[in-house]
Amino acid sequence: MVSEKLILTALKHVLDPEIGVNIVDLGLVYEVKVENGDVYIRMTMTTPGCPLHESISKGAEEAVRQLPGVENVQVDLVWEPAWTPERMSDWARKQLGWK
C-alpha cells in the first residue's frame, strides 16, 4: 500500500535542475494525499516565472506513478502561499551554503 511517506521519498529523487536540490527539501511540496491508489500532490516553484515548472511537475508525476499501488497521480501547481527560503530543510540550506 502506498503511503505519504513513500511518496515523499520518491519525490526526493526529483531535483530542481537549476538548484540541484530535491523538491521536498526545497520545500516545494505543500501537500500529499493518498486515497485508494489515487495520489494528489500540491506544490509550487521558487518563483512564478520558473521556466522549468512543467519539467519539474512532470518529474514529480513520473516519480510517484512508478510506485506500486499508485493508480492515478494529479499534480497541482499553486502560487499561494508563495514559496520562501524558510520552507527549505536544514539539509537544503547546507547544500546551498545558506547556513
C-alpha atoms as a PDB file:
ATOM      1  CA  MET A   1       0.000   0.000   0.000  1.00  0.00           C
ATOM      2  CA  VAL A   2       1.335   3.404  -0.960  1.00  0.00           C
ATOM      3  CA  SER A   3       1.795   5.936   1.835  1.00  0.00           C
ATOM      4  CA  GLU A   4       2.537   9.639   2.109  1.00  0.00           C
ATOM      5  CA  LYS A   5       5.993   8.791   3.443  1.00  0.00           C
ATOM      6  CA  LEU A   6       6.746   6.577   0.432  1.00  0.00           C
ATOM      7  CA  ILE A   7       5.561   9.304  -1.936  1.00  0.00           C
ATOM      8  CA  LEU A   8       7.752  11.915  -0.259  1.00  0.00           C
ATOM      9  CA  THR A   9      10.707   9.540  -0.552  1.00  0.00           C
ATOM     10  CA  ALA A  10      10.032   9.162  -4.292  1.00  0.00           C
ATOM     11  CA  LEU A  11       9.718  12.933  -4.668  1.00  0.00           C
ATOM     12  CA  LYS A  12      13.171  13.368  -3.100  1.00  0.00           C
ATOM     13  CA  HIS A  13      14.514  11.954  -6.376  1.00  0.00           C
ATOM     14  CA  VAL A  14      13.086  14.920  -8.291  1.00  0.00           C
ATOM     15  CA  LEU A  15      15.638  17.721  -8.469  1.00  0.00           C
ATOM     16  CA  ASP A  16      15.232  21.347  -9.350  1.00  0.00           C
ATOM     17  CA  PRO A  17      17.811  21.288 -12.172  1.00  0.00           C
ATOM     18  CA  GLU A  18      18.800  24.924 -11.708  1.00  0.00           C
ATOM     19  CA  ILE A  19      19.497  24.488  -8.000  1.00  0.00           C
ATOM     20  CA  GLY A  20      20.432  20.795  -7.781  1.00  0.00           C
ATOM     21  CA  VAL A  21      18.358  20.144  -4.650  1.00  0.00           C
ATOM     22  CA  ASN A  22      15.289  17.909  -4.464  1.00  0.00           C
ATOM     23  CA  ILE A  23      11.815  19.412  -4.413  1.00  0.00           C
ATOM     24  CA  VAL A  24      10.946  18.065  -0.953  1.00  0.00           C
ATOM     25  CA  ASP A  25      13.965  19.586   0.795  1.00  0.00           C
ATOM     26  CA  LEU A  26      13.463  22.815  -1.136  1.00  0.00           C
ATOM     27  CA  GLY A  27      10.001  23.000   0.423  1.00  0.00           C
ATOM     28  CA  LEU A  28       8.186  22.986  -2.901  1.00  0.00           C
ATOM     29  CA  VAL A  29       5.799  20.173  -1.926  1.00  0.00           C
ATOM     30  CA  TYR A  30       2.943  21.643   0.115  1.00  0.00           C
ATOM     31  CA  GLU A  31       0.613  18.650   0.392  1.00  0.00           C
ATOM     32  CA  VAL A  32       0.361  14.958  -0.455  1.00  0.00           C
ATOM     33  CA  LYS A  33      -2.894  12.992  -0.229  1.00  0.00           C
ATOM     34  CA  VAL A  34      -3.415   9.318  -0.960  1.00  0.00           C
ATOM     35  CA  GLU A  35      -6.784   7.645  -1.393  1.00  0.00           C
ATOM     36  CA  ASN A  36      -7.280   4.164  -2.850  1.00  0.00           C
ATOM     37  CA  GLY A  37      -4.259   4.387  -5.126  1.00  0.00           C
ATOM     38  CA  ASP A  38      -5.006   7.935  -6.230  1.00  0.00           C
ATOM     39  CA  VAL A  39      -2.329  10.462  -5.328  1.00  0.00           C
ATOM     40  CA  TYR A  40      -2.788  14.217  -5.140  1.00  0.00           C
ATOM     41  CA  ILE A  41       0.251  16.484  -4.875  1.00  0.00           C
ATOM     42  CA  ARG A  42       0.006  20.222  -4.264  1.00  0.00           C
ATOM     43  CA  MET A  43       3.265  22.001  -4.943  1.00  0.00           C
ATOM     44  CA  THR A  44       4.832  25.251  -6.036  1.00  0.00           C
ATOM     45  CA  MET A  45       8.011  26.612  -7.595  1.00  0.00           C
ATOM     46  CA  THR A  46      10.569  29.006  -6.154  1.00  0.00           C
ATOM     47  CA  THR A  47       9.213  31.757  -8.441  1.00  0.00           C
ATOM     48  CA  PRO A  48       6.054  32.043 -10.549  1.00  0.00           C
ATOM     49  CA  GLY A  49       8.180  32.646 -13.649  1.00  0.00           C
ATOM     50  CA  CYS A  50      10.215  29.452 -13.214  1.00  0.00           C
ATOM     51  CA  PRO A  51      10.895  28.223 -16.762  1.00  0.00           C
ATOM     52  CA  LEU A  52      11.200  24.621 -15.572  1.00  0.00           C
ATOM     53  CA  HIS A  53       7.809  24.333 -13.864  1.00  0.00           C
ATOM     54  CA  GLU A  54       6.483  21.904 -16.459  1.00  0.00           C
ATOM     55  CA  SER A  55       9.514  19.619 -16.341  1.00  0.00           C
ATOM     56  CA  ILE A  56       9.622  19.579 -12.527  1.00  0.00           C
ATOM     57  CA  SER A  57       5.879  18.881 -12.256  1.00  0.00           C
ATOM     58  CA  LYS A  58       6.173  16.095 -14.834  1.00  0.00           C
ATOM     59  CA  GLY A  59       9.167  14.659 -12.952  1.00  0.00           C
ATOM     60  CA  ALA A  60       7.118  14.578  -9.744  1.00  0.00           C
ATOM     61  CA  GLU A  61       4.251  12.824 -11.502  1.00  0.00           C
ATOM     62  CA  GLU A  62       6.532  10.237 -13.100  1.00  0.00           C
ATOM     63  CA  ALA A  63       8.420   9.524  -9.855  1.00  0.00           C
ATOM     64  CA  VAL A  64       5.184   8.804  -7.993  1.00  0.00           C
ATOM     65  CA  ARG A  65       3.493   6.932 -10.845  1.00  0.00           C
ATOM     66  CA  GLN A  66       6.260   4.287 -10.676  1.00  0.00           C
ATOM     67  CA  LEU A  67       5.375   3.307  -7.118  1.00  0.00           C
ATOM     68  CA  PRO A  68       3.484   0.034  -6.645  1.00  0.00           C
ATOM     69  CA  GLY A  69      -0.174   0.606  -5.857  1.00  0.00           C
ATOM     70  CA  VAL A  70      -0.407   4.033  -7.469  1.00  0.00           C
ATOM     71  CA  GLU A  71      -3.280   4.229  -9.934  1.00  0.00           C
ATOM     72  CA  ASN A  72      -3.534   7.952 -10.724  1.00  0.00           C
ATOM     73  CA  VAL A  73      -1.394  10.992  -9.978  1.00  0.00           C
ATOM     74  CA  GLN A  74      -2.565  14.585 -10.025  1.00  0.00           C
ATOM     75  CA  VAL A  75      -0.034  17.382  -9.541  1.00  0.00           C
ATOM     76  CA  ASP A  76      -1.467  20.836  -8.911  1.00  0.00           C
ATOM     77  CA  LEU A  77       0.905  23.754  -9.203  1.00  0.00           C
ATOM     78  CA  VAL A  78      -0.109  26.599  -6.881  1.00  0.00           C
ATOM     79  CA  TRP A  79       1.293  30.031  -6.095  1.00  0.00           C
ATOM     80  CA  GLU A  80      -0.381  30.619  -2.735  1.00  0.00           C
ATOM     81  CA  PRO A  81       1.158  30.580  -0.303  1.00  0.00           C
ATOM     82  CA  ALA A  82       4.224  31.905  -2.069  1.00  0.00           C
ATOM     83  CA  TRP A  83       7.407  29.906  -1.597  1.00  0.00           C
ATOM     84  CA  THR A  84      10.039  31.416   0.685  1.00  0.00           C
ATOM     85  CA  PRO A  85      13.522  30.163   1.608  1.00  0.00           C
ATOM     86  CA  GLU A  86      12.258  29.449   5.133  1.00  0.00           C
ATOM     87  CA  ARG A  87      10.452  26.406   3.684  1.00  0.00           C
ATOM     88  CA  MET A  88      13.785  24.697   2.914  1.00  0.00           C
ATOM     89  CA  SER A  89      15.073  21.929   5.134  1.00  0.00           C
ATOM     90  CA  ASP A  90      18.305  22.405   7.054  1.00  0.00           C
ATOM     91  CA  TRP A  91      19.912  19.917   4.658  1.00  0.00           C
ATOM     92  CA  ALA A  92      18.926  22.042   1.621  1.00  0.00           C
ATOM     93  CA  ARG A  93      20.240  25.197   3.278  1.00  0.00           C
ATOM     94  CA  LYS A  94      23.530  23.471   3.963  1.00  0.00           C
ATOM     95  CA  GLN A  95      23.761  22.197   0.359  1.00  0.00           C
ATOM     96  CA  LEU A  96      23.241  25.730  -0.923  1.00  0.00           C
ATOM     97  CA  GLY A  97      25.686  27.241   1.573  1.00  0.00           C
ATOM     98  CA  TRP A  98      22.953  29.219   3.310  1.00  0.00           C
ATOM     99  CA  LYS A  99      23.681  28.001   6.805  1.00  0.00           C
END
